[in-house]
Amino acid sequence: MSAFEVRAARDGDGNGVAGAWRDSAEFYRELAPEAFQVPAEDGLSGWLEDKLVNHDGNTLALVADHEGEAVGFVHASFLSPHEDAERQMTRDVGLPRVFVNALAVRRAHWRGGAGTGLMRAVERWGRERGARLLTLEAFADSPVSVPFYENGMGYERYAVVFAKPLS
């Protein structure tokens, strides 16, 4: 297992996180080319770095640093209870909760602890803020993500997202 430092994203992390994002996208495009694409490389590192470095207090952006290089990242948001929660069907909207917007790790570092470290840090952050639930979306047919969340992290399937092309 490689040694990773989980830390706040900072200026200079753009190339590393862009590499992780594109690497993950290539993997998913190989699995389901009709659903996934590899993001354009031009400007990607700056765009991602800006998203990870410049955010509000309800957002968490961390990187997995391996020997001075960002090899993965997580971006998560804290959500307060919905103002109309008593009128909703699902209970989760009435809870303070965290939603993981993105998690990506370079394939060379999969199963090395980077993803686990990033997710554990998000869980701690959520608990410190009073969150009662953490949710995220993952590709249902992923031979990597689904076992990672279910077996490695202890998450349970909660909902199903349906999609139907209209063209």
N, C-alpha and C. Protein backbone atom coordinates (compact mmCIF):
# COMPACT_ATOMS: atom_id res chain seq x y z
N MET A 1 0.84 -1.18 0.00
CA MET A 1 0.00 0.00 0.00
C MET A 1 0.88 1.24 0.00
N SER A 2 0.57 2.18 -0.89
CA SER A 2 1.33 3.42 -0.99
C SER A 2 0.93 4.37 0.12
N ALA A 3 1.85 5.26 0.45
CA ALA A 3 1.56 6.26 1.48
C ALA A 3 0.97 7.50 0.81
N PHE A 4 -0.17 7.95 1.32
CA PHE A 4 -0.83 9.13 0.80
C PHE A 4 -1.06 10.11 1.92
N GLU A 5 -0.96 11.37 1.59
CA GLU A 5 -1.36 12.42 2.50
C GLU A 5 -2.64 13.00 1.93
N VAL A 6 -3.70 13.01 2.72
CA VAL A 6 -4.94 13.66 2.31
C VAL A 6 -4.87 15.08 2.84
N ARG A 7 -4.97 16.04 1.92
CA ARG A 7 -4.84 17.44 2.29
C ARG A 7 -5.78 18.29 1.46
N ALA A 8 -5.91 19.54 1.88
CA ALA A 8 -6.73 20.48 1.12
C ALA A 8 -6.10 20.71 -0.25
N ALA A 9 -6.95 20.89 -1.24
CA ALA A 9 -6.46 21.22 -2.57
C ALA A 9 -5.81 22.60 -2.53
N ARG A 10 -4.80 22.79 -3.36
CA ARG A 10 -4.10 24.07 -3.39
C ARG A 10 -3.62 24.38 -4.80
N ASP A 11 -3.21 25.61 -4.99
CA ASP A 11 -2.66 26.01 -6.27
C ASP A 11 -1.53 25.06 -6.65
N GLY A 12 -1.52 24.65 -7.90
CA GLY A 12 -0.49 23.72 -8.38
C GLY A 12 -0.97 22.29 -8.49
N ASP A 13 -2.18 21.99 -7.97
CA ASP A 13 -2.71 20.63 -8.02
C ASP A 13 -3.43 20.31 -9.33
N GLY A 14 -3.62 21.31 -10.17
CA GLY A 14 -4.43 21.14 -11.37
C GLY A 14 -4.01 20.01 -12.28
N ASN A 15 -2.73 19.90 -12.59
CA ASN A 15 -2.27 18.84 -13.50
C ASN A 15 -2.52 17.45 -12.91
N GLY A 16 -2.26 17.31 -11.63
CA GLY A 16 -2.46 16.01 -10.99
C GLY A 16 -3.92 15.59 -10.95
N VAL A 17 -4.80 16.52 -10.55
CA VAL A 17 -6.22 16.15 -10.47
C VAL A 17 -6.81 15.97 -11.87
N ALA A 18 -6.35 16.75 -12.85
CA ALA A 18 -6.82 16.56 -14.22
C ALA A 18 -6.40 15.18 -14.73
N GLY A 19 -5.20 14.75 -14.38
CA GLY A 19 -4.76 13.42 -14.78
C GLY A 19 -5.63 12.34 -14.17
N ALA A 20 -5.99 12.49 -12.91
CA ALA A 20 -6.87 11.52 -12.25
C ALA A 20 -8.26 11.53 -12.88
N TRP A 21 -8.76 12.71 -13.19
CA TRP A 21 -10.10 12.85 -13.79
C TRP A 21 -10.14 12.19 -15.18
N ARG A 22 -9.13 12.48 -16.00
CA ARG A 22 -9.09 11.90 -17.35
C ARG A 22 -8.85 10.39 -17.29
N ASP A 23 -8.00 9.94 -16.37
CA ASP A 23 -7.72 8.52 -16.23
C ASP A 23 -9.00 7.77 -15.85
N SER A 24 -9.74 8.31 -14.90
CA SER A 24 -11.01 7.69 -14.50
C SER A 24 -12.00 7.71 -15.66
N ALA A 25 -12.05 8.82 -16.38
CA ALA A 25 -12.97 8.94 -17.52
C ALA A 25 -12.64 7.91 -18.60
N GLU A 26 -11.36 7.68 -18.85
CA GLU A 26 -10.96 6.68 -19.85
C GLU A 26 -11.44 5.29 -19.44
N PHE A 27 -11.30 4.98 -18.15
CA PHE A 27 -11.77 3.68 -17.65
C PHE A 27 -13.27 3.53 -17.89
N TYR A 28 -14.04 4.54 -17.52
CA TYR A 28 -15.50 4.46 -17.66
C TYR A 28 -15.93 4.51 -19.12
N ARG A 29 -15.22 5.22 -19.96
CA ARG A 29 -15.55 5.22 -21.39
C ARG A 29 -15.34 3.82 -21.97
N GLU A 30 -14.32 3.12 -21.51
CA GLU A 30 -14.10 1.75 -21.97
C GLU A 30 -15.26 0.84 -21.55
N LEU A 31 -15.82 1.08 -20.38
CA LEU A 31 -16.95 0.28 -19.90
C LEU A 31 -18.25 0.60 -20.62
N ALA A 32 -18.51 1.89 -20.81
CA ALA A 32 -19.79 2.32 -21.36
C ALA A 32 -19.60 3.58 -22.22
N PRO A 33 -19.13 3.40 -23.44
CA PRO A 33 -18.85 4.57 -24.29
C PRO A 33 -20.09 5.40 -24.61
N GLU A 34 -21.27 4.81 -24.51
CA GLU A 34 -22.49 5.58 -24.77
C GLU A 34 -22.83 6.53 -23.61
N ALA A 35 -22.24 6.30 -22.46
CA ALA A 35 -22.55 7.12 -21.28
C ALA A 35 -21.41 8.02 -20.84
N PHE A 36 -20.17 7.67 -21.19
CA PHE A 36 -19.02 8.42 -20.69
C PHE A 36 -18.15 8.93 -21.81
N GLN A 37 -17.47 10.02 -21.53
CA GLN A 37 -16.50 10.61 -22.45
C GLN A 37 -15.28 11.04 -21.67
N VAL A 38 -14.18 11.21 -22.36
CA VAL A 38 -12.97 11.73 -21.75
C VAL A 38 -13.00 13.25 -21.94
N PRO A 39 -12.94 14.00 -20.84
CA PRO A 39 -12.99 15.46 -20.95
C PRO A 39 -11.85 16.01 -21.79
N ALA A 40 -12.14 17.08 -22.50
CA ALA A 40 -11.12 17.76 -23.29
C ALA A 40 -9.98 18.18 -22.38
N GLU A 41 -8.77 17.96 -22.83
CA GLU A 41 -7.59 18.25 -22.01
C GLU A 41 -7.31 19.75 -21.92
N ASP A 42 -7.61 20.47 -23.00
CA ASP A 42 -7.31 21.90 -23.06
C ASP A 42 -8.06 22.66 -21.97
N GLY A 43 -7.34 23.25 -21.05
CA GLY A 43 -7.93 24.05 -19.98
C GLY A 43 -8.47 23.27 -18.80
N LEU A 44 -8.43 21.95 -18.88
CA LEU A 44 -9.01 21.11 -17.83
C LEU A 44 -8.32 21.31 -16.49
N SER A 45 -6.99 21.33 -16.48
CA SER A 45 -6.28 21.44 -15.20
C SER A 45 -6.61 22.76 -14.50
N GLY A 46 -6.69 23.84 -15.23
CA GLY A 46 -7.04 25.13 -14.63
C GLY A 46 -8.47 25.16 -14.13
N TRP A 47 -9.38 24.59 -14.91
CA TRP A 47 -10.79 24.54 -14.53
C TRP A 47 -10.97 23.73 -13.24
N LEU A 48 -10.36 22.54 -13.19
CA LEU A 48 -10.47 21.71 -11.99
C LEU A 48 -9.81 22.36 -10.78
N GLU A 49 -8.63 22.90 -10.98
CA GLU A 49 -7.93 23.55 -9.87
C GLU A 49 -8.78 24.68 -9.31
N ASP A 50 -9.39 25.47 -10.17
CA ASP A 50 -10.25 26.56 -9.71
C ASP A 50 -11.43 26.02 -8.90
N LYS A 51 -12.06 24.95 -9.37
CA LYS A 51 -13.19 24.35 -8.65
C LYS A 51 -12.77 23.82 -7.28
N LEU A 52 -11.55 23.28 -7.20
CA LEU A 52 -11.10 22.67 -5.95
C LEU A 52 -10.52 23.69 -4.96
N VAL A 53 -9.95 24.75 -5.46
CA VAL A 53 -9.29 25.73 -4.59
C VAL A 53 -10.24 26.84 -4.17
N ASN A 54 -11.09 27.27 -5.08
CA ASN A 54 -11.99 28.41 -4.81
C ASN A 54 -13.42 27.92 -4.63
N HIS A 55 -13.82 27.79 -3.37
CA HIS A 55 -15.17 27.31 -3.08
C HIS A 55 -15.64 27.92 -1.76
N ASP A 56 -16.91 27.69 -1.46
CA ASP A 56 -17.49 28.26 -0.24
C ASP A 56 -17.31 27.32 0.95
N GLY A 57 -17.77 27.74 2.09
CA GLY A 57 -17.61 26.96 3.32
C GLY A 57 -18.44 25.70 3.39
N ASN A 58 -19.37 25.52 2.45
CA ASN A 58 -20.18 24.31 2.42
C ASN A 58 -19.65 23.28 1.44
N THR A 59 -18.43 23.50 0.97
CA THR A 59 -17.79 22.59 0.02
C THR A 59 -16.46 22.12 0.59
N LEU A 60 -16.15 20.87 0.35
CA LEU A 60 -14.88 20.30 0.75
C LEU A 60 -14.17 19.81 -0.50
N ALA A 61 -12.92 20.18 -0.66
CA ALA A 61 -12.11 19.72 -1.78
C ALA A 61 -10.76 19.27 -1.24
N LEU A 62 -10.50 18.00 -1.39
CA LEU A 62 -9.27 17.40 -0.88
C LEU A 62 -8.55 16.66 -1.99
N VAL A 63 -7.24 16.53 -1.84
CA VAL A 63 -6.46 15.72 -2.77
C VAL A 63 -5.73 14.64 -1.99
N ALA A 64 -5.45 13.56 -2.71
CA ALA A 64 -4.56 12.51 -2.19
C ALA A 64 -3.20 12.83 -2.80
N ASP A 65 -2.25 13.16 -1.94
CA ASP A 65 -0.91 13.55 -2.36
C ASP A 65 0.01 12.35 -2.18
N HIS A 66 0.69 11.99 -3.26
CA HIS A 66 1.67 10.91 -3.21
C HIS A 66 3.00 11.47 -3.69
N GLU A 67 3.92 11.56 -2.78
CA GLU A 67 5.27 12.05 -3.08
C GLU A 67 5.23 13.42 -3.77
N GLY A 68 4.37 14.29 -3.26
CA GLY A 68 4.31 15.67 -3.75
C GLY A 68 3.41 15.88 -4.96
N GLU A 69 2.75 14.84 -5.43
CA GLU A 69 1.86 14.98 -6.57
C GLU A 69 0.43 14.60 -6.18
N ALA A 70 -0.52 15.41 -6.62
CA ALA A 70 -1.94 15.08 -6.42
C ALA A 70 -2.30 13.95 -7.37
N VAL A 71 -2.64 12.78 -6.82
CA VAL A 71 -2.98 11.63 -7.66
C VAL A 71 -4.45 11.28 -7.57
N GLY A 72 -5.20 12.05 -6.81
CA GLY A 72 -6.63 11.84 -6.68
C GLY A 72 -7.26 13.02 -5.97
N PHE A 73 -8.58 13.09 -6.06
CA PHE A 73 -9.28 14.18 -5.37
C PHE A 73 -10.71 13.77 -5.06
N VAL A 74 -11.29 14.51 -4.13
CA VAL A 74 -12.71 14.38 -3.83
C VAL A 74 -13.28 15.79 -3.69
N HIS A 75 -14.51 15.95 -4.13
CA HIS A 75 -15.22 17.23 -4.03
C HIS A 75 -16.59 16.91 -3.46
N ALA A 76 -16.94 17.52 -2.34
CA ALA A 76 -18.20 17.21 -1.67
C ALA A 76 -18.87 18.49 -1.19
N SER A 77 -20.19 18.40 -1.03
CA SER A 77 -20.98 19.55 -0.59
C SER A 77 -21.80 19.20 0.63
N PHE A 78 -21.89 20.14 1.57
CA PHE A 78 -22.76 20.00 2.73
C PHE A 78 -24.11 20.60 2.37
N LEU A 79 -25.17 19.86 2.63
CA LEU A 79 -26.52 20.33 2.33
C LEU A 79 -27.32 20.43 3.62
N SER A 80 -27.89 21.58 3.87
CA SER A 80 -28.75 21.78 5.03
C SER A 80 -30.10 21.12 4.77
N PRO A 81 -30.86 20.86 5.82
CA PRO A 81 -32.20 20.31 5.60
C PRO A 81 -33.02 21.23 4.69
N HIS A 82 -33.78 20.63 3.81
CA HIS A 82 -34.60 21.37 2.86
C HIS A 82 -35.70 22.10 3.63
N GLU A 83 -35.98 23.32 3.21
CA GLU A 83 -36.98 24.14 3.93
C GLU A 83 -38.38 23.53 3.87
N ASP A 84 -38.69 22.73 2.87
CA ASP A 84 -40.00 22.09 2.76
C ASP A 84 -39.92 20.59 3.03
N ALA A 85 -39.02 20.19 3.88
CA ALA A 85 -38.78 18.76 4.12
C ALA A 85 -40.03 18.03 4.60
N GLU A 86 -40.86 18.68 5.37
CA GLU A 86 -42.06 18.01 5.89
C GLU A 86 -43.07 17.71 4.78
N ARG A 87 -42.91 18.30 3.64
CA ARG A 87 -43.81 18.07 2.51
C ARG A 87 -43.24 17.06 1.50
N GLN A 88 -42.04 16.60 1.74
CA GLN A 88 -41.37 15.67 0.84
C GLN A 88 -41.62 14.23 1.24
N MET A 89 -41.48 13.31 0.29
CA MET A 89 -41.66 11.88 0.58
C MET A 89 -40.44 11.27 1.25
N THR A 90 -39.25 11.68 0.84
CA THR A 90 -38.05 11.06 1.37
C THR A 90 -37.57 11.81 2.61
N ARG A 91 -37.14 11.04 3.59
CA ARG A 91 -36.69 11.63 4.85
C ARG A 91 -35.33 12.32 4.74
N ASP A 92 -34.51 11.86 3.80
CA ASP A 92 -33.14 12.37 3.75
C ASP A 92 -33.08 13.87 3.50
N VAL A 93 -34.05 14.44 2.79
CA VAL A 93 -34.00 15.88 2.52
C VAL A 93 -34.20 16.71 3.79
N GLY A 94 -34.70 16.09 4.85
CA GLY A 94 -34.86 16.78 6.12
C GLY A 94 -33.65 16.68 7.02
N LEU A 95 -32.61 16.01 6.54
CA LEU A 95 -31.40 15.82 7.34
C LEU A 95 -30.28 16.71 6.84
N PRO A 96 -29.41 17.15 7.75
CA PRO A 96 -28.16 17.74 7.27
C PRO A 96 -27.35 16.60 6.66
N ARG A 97 -26.84 16.82 5.45
CA ARG A 97 -26.21 15.71 4.73
C ARG A 97 -25.08 16.19 3.85
N VAL A 98 -24.29 15.25 3.39
CA VAL A 98 -23.17 15.52 2.50
C VAL A 98 -23.42 14.76 1.20
N PHE A 99 -23.14 15.42 0.10
CA PHE A 99 -23.20 14.77 -1.21
C PHE A 99 -21.81 14.84 -1.83
N VAL A 100 -21.30 13.68 -2.24
CA VAL A 100 -20.00 13.64 -2.90
C VAL A 100 -20.24 13.87 -4.39
N ASN A 101 -19.74 14.99 -4.87
CA ASN A 101 -19.91 15.37 -6.27
C ASN A 101 -18.97 14.60 -7.19
N ALA A 102 -17.76 14.33 -6.72
CA ALA A 102 -16.77 13.64 -7.55
C ALA A 102 -15.68 13.03 -6.69
N LEU A 103 -15.24 11.86 -7.10
CA LEU A 103 -14.08 11.20 -6.52
C LEU A 103 -13.33 10.57 -7.68
N ALA A 104 -12.06 10.86 -7.79
CA ALA A 104 -11.24 10.28 -8.85
C ALA A 104 -9.84 10.04 -8.33
N VAL A 105 -9.29 8.90 -8.71
CA VAL A 105 -7.92 8.53 -8.34
C VAL A 105 -7.28 7.94 -9.60
N ARG A 106 -6.03 8.27 -9.83
CA ARG A 106 -5.32 7.67 -10.97
C ARG A 106 -5.32 6.15 -10.82
N ARG A 107 -5.53 5.48 -11.94
CA ARG A 107 -5.61 4.01 -11.92
C ARG A 107 -4.39 3.35 -11.30
N ALA A 108 -3.22 3.93 -11.49
CA ALA A 108 -2.00 3.36 -10.93
C ALA A 108 -2.04 3.32 -9.40
N HIS A 109 -2.95 4.09 -8.80
CA HIS A 109 -3.04 4.15 -7.34
C HIS A 109 -4.32 3.52 -6.80
N TRP A 110 -5.12 2.87 -7.67
CA TRP A 110 -6.31 2.18 -7.19
C TRP A 110 -5.89 1.05 -6.26
N ARG A 111 -6.69 0.85 -5.26
CA ARG A 111 -6.48 -0.19 -4.25
C ARG A 111 -5.24 0.06 -3.40
N GLY A 112 -4.80 1.32 -3.40
CA GLY A 112 -3.64 1.67 -2.59
C GLY A 112 -3.98 2.50 -1.37
N GLY A 113 -5.25 2.85 -1.19
CA GLY A 113 -5.67 3.60 -0.01
C GLY A 113 -6.03 5.05 -0.26
N ALA A 114 -5.79 5.56 -1.45
CA ALA A 114 -6.07 6.97 -1.71
C ALA A 114 -7.57 7.26 -1.66
N GLY A 115 -8.36 6.45 -2.34
CA GLY A 115 -9.81 6.66 -2.34
C GLY A 115 -10.40 6.50 -0.95
N THR A 116 -9.94 5.49 -0.24
CA THR A 116 -10.42 5.27 1.14
C THR A 116 -10.07 6.46 2.02
N GLY A 117 -8.84 6.93 1.92
CA GLY A 117 -8.44 8.08 2.72
C GLY A 117 -9.26 9.32 2.42
N LEU A 118 -9.52 9.56 1.14
CA LEU A 118 -10.32 10.71 0.75
C LEU A 118 -11.76 10.59 1.28
N MET A 119 -12.35 9.42 1.12
CA MET A 119 -13.73 9.24 1.59
C MET A 119 -13.84 9.29 3.11
N ARG A 120 -12.87 8.73 3.81
CA ARG A 120 -12.91 8.81 5.29
C ARG A 120 -12.81 10.27 5.74
N ALA A 121 -12.02 11.06 5.03
CA ALA A 121 -11.90 12.48 5.37
C ALA A 121 -13.22 13.21 5.13
N VAL A 122 -13.92 12.86 4.07
CA VAL A 122 -15.24 13.47 3.81
C VAL A 122 -16.21 13.08 4.91
N GLU A 123 -16.19 11.82 5.31
CA GLU A 123 -17.08 11.37 6.38
C GLU A 123 -16.81 12.14 7.67
N ARG A 124 -15.54 12.31 8.03
CA ARG A 124 -15.19 13.08 9.23
C ARG A 124 -15.69 14.51 9.13
N TRP A 125 -15.45 15.13 7.99
CA TRP A 125 -15.90 16.51 7.75
C TRP A 125 -17.41 16.62 7.92
N GLY A 126 -18.12 15.66 7.36
CA GLY A 126 -19.57 15.67 7.48
C GLY A 126 -20.03 15.52 8.91
N ARG A 127 -19.43 14.60 9.65
CA ARG A 127 -19.79 14.42 11.06
C ARG A 127 -19.51 15.69 11.86
N GLU A 128 -18.37 16.32 11.61
CA GLU A 128 -18.02 17.56 12.31
C GLU A 128 -19.03 18.66 12.05
N ARG A 129 -19.66 18.67 10.91
CA ARG A 129 -20.66 19.68 10.54
C ARG A 129 -22.07 19.27 10.97
N GLY A 130 -22.21 18.09 11.54
CA GLY A 130 -23.52 17.63 11.98
C GLY A 130 -24.31 16.85 10.94
N ALA A 131 -23.67 16.44 9.86
CA ALA A 131 -24.36 15.67 8.83
C ALA A 131 -24.79 14.32 9.39
N ARG A 132 -25.93 13.86 8.95
CA ARG A 132 -26.46 12.58 9.40
C ARG A 132 -26.46 11.53 8.29
N LEU A 133 -26.12 11.97 7.06
CA LEU A 133 -26.16 11.08 5.91
C LEU A 133 -25.14 11.55 4.89
N LEU A 134 -24.52 10.60 4.19
CA LEU A 134 -23.64 10.91 3.08
C LEU A 134 -24.15 10.12 1.88
N THR A 135 -24.34 10.82 0.76
CA THR A 135 -24.80 10.16 -0.45
C THR A 135 -23.87 10.49 -1.60
N LEU A 136 -23.93 9.64 -2.62
CA LEU A 136 -23.14 9.84 -3.83
C LEU A 136 -23.76 8.99 -4.92
N GLU A 137 -23.34 9.22 -6.14
CA GLU A 137 -23.77 8.39 -7.26
C GLU A 137 -22.56 7.66 -7.82
N ALA A 138 -22.80 6.43 -8.27
CA ALA A 138 -21.75 5.64 -8.90
C ALA A 138 -22.37 4.88 -10.06
N PHE A 139 -21.57 4.60 -11.07
CA PHE A 139 -22.04 3.84 -12.22
C PHE A 139 -22.36 2.42 -11.77
N ALA A 140 -23.61 2.00 -11.98
CA ALA A 140 -24.10 0.72 -11.46
C ALA A 140 -23.32 -0.49 -11.95
N ASP A 141 -22.77 -0.41 -13.16
CA ASP A 141 -22.04 -1.55 -13.72
C ASP A 141 -20.53 -1.48 -13.51
N SER A 142 -20.08 -0.59 -12.65
CA SER A 142 -18.65 -0.46 -12.42
C SER A 142 -18.10 -1.63 -11.60
N PRO A 143 -17.12 -2.34 -12.14
CA PRO A 143 -16.50 -3.42 -11.37
C PRO A 143 -15.52 -2.90 -10.32
N VAL A 144 -15.34 -1.59 -10.26
CA VAL A 144 -14.42 -0.98 -9.30
C VAL A 144 -15.18 -0.18 -8.26
N SER A 145 -16.00 0.76 -8.69
CA SER A 145 -16.68 1.66 -7.76
C SER A 145 -17.67 0.96 -6.85
N VAL A 146 -18.49 0.09 -7.42
CA VAL A 146 -19.53 -0.57 -6.62
C VAL A 146 -18.91 -1.41 -5.50
N PRO A 147 -17.93 -2.28 -5.79
CA PRO A 147 -17.31 -3.02 -4.68
C PRO A 147 -16.57 -2.10 -3.69
N PHE A 148 -15.96 -1.03 -4.20
CA PHE A 148 -15.26 -0.09 -3.32
C PHE A 148 -16.23 0.48 -2.30
N TYR A 149 -17.36 0.99 -2.75
CA TYR A 149 -18.30 1.61 -1.82
C TYR A 149 -19.01 0.58 -0.95
N GLU A 150 -19.47 -0.52 -1.54
CA GLU A 150 -20.23 -1.50 -0.75
C GLU A 150 -19.35 -2.32 0.18
N ASN A 151 -18.30 -2.90 -0.34
CA ASN A 151 -17.47 -3.81 0.46
C ASN A 151 -16.38 -3.09 1.23
N GLY A 152 -15.75 -2.12 0.59
CA GLY A 152 -14.63 -1.44 1.23
C GLY A 152 -15.02 -0.33 2.18
N MET A 153 -16.10 0.39 1.83
CA MET A 153 -16.47 1.57 2.61
C MET A 153 -17.74 1.38 3.45
N GLY A 154 -18.49 0.31 3.21
CA GLY A 154 -19.69 0.04 4.00
C GLY A 154 -20.93 0.82 3.59
N TYR A 155 -20.98 1.30 2.36
CA TYR A 155 -22.16 2.02 1.87
C TYR A 155 -23.18 1.01 1.36
N GLU A 156 -24.45 1.41 1.38
CA GLU A 156 -25.53 0.57 0.89
C GLU A 156 -26.19 1.24 -0.31
N ARG A 157 -26.69 0.42 -1.21
CA ARG A 157 -27.45 0.96 -2.35
C ARG A 157 -28.71 1.59 -1.80
N TYR A 158 -29.01 2.78 -2.29
CA TYR A 158 -30.09 3.56 -1.71
C TYR A 158 -31.16 3.94 -2.73
N ALA A 159 -30.73 4.18 -3.94
CA ALA A 159 -31.66 4.60 -5.00
C ALA A 159 -31.12 4.11 -6.33
N VAL A 160 -31.96 4.16 -7.31
CA VAL A 160 -31.57 3.80 -8.66
C VAL A 160 -31.87 4.99 -9.56
N VAL A 161 -30.92 5.35 -10.41
CA VAL A 161 -31.11 6.41 -11.38
C VAL A 161 -31.39 5.75 -12.71
N PHE A 162 -32.51 6.09 -13.32
CA PHE A 162 -32.87 5.54 -14.62
C PHE A 162 -32.55 6.55 -15.71
N ALA A 163 -32.17 6.06 -16.88
CA ALA A 163 -31.87 6.92 -18.01
C ALA A 163 -32.42 6.29 -19.27
N LYS A 164 -32.89 7.15 -20.19
CA LYS A 164 -33.39 6.68 -21.47
C LYS A 164 -33.05 7.71 -22.52
N PRO A 165 -32.22 7.34 -23.49
CA PRO A 165 -31.92 8.29 -24.58
C PRO A 165 -33.20 8.64 -25.33
N LEU A 166 -33.36 9.89 -25.66
CA LEU A 166 -34.54 10.35 -26.36
C LEU A 166 -34.29 10.65 -27.82
N SER A 167 -33.12 10.30 -28.30
CA SER A 167 -32.86 10.54 -29.73
C SER A 167 -32.30 9.29 -30.38
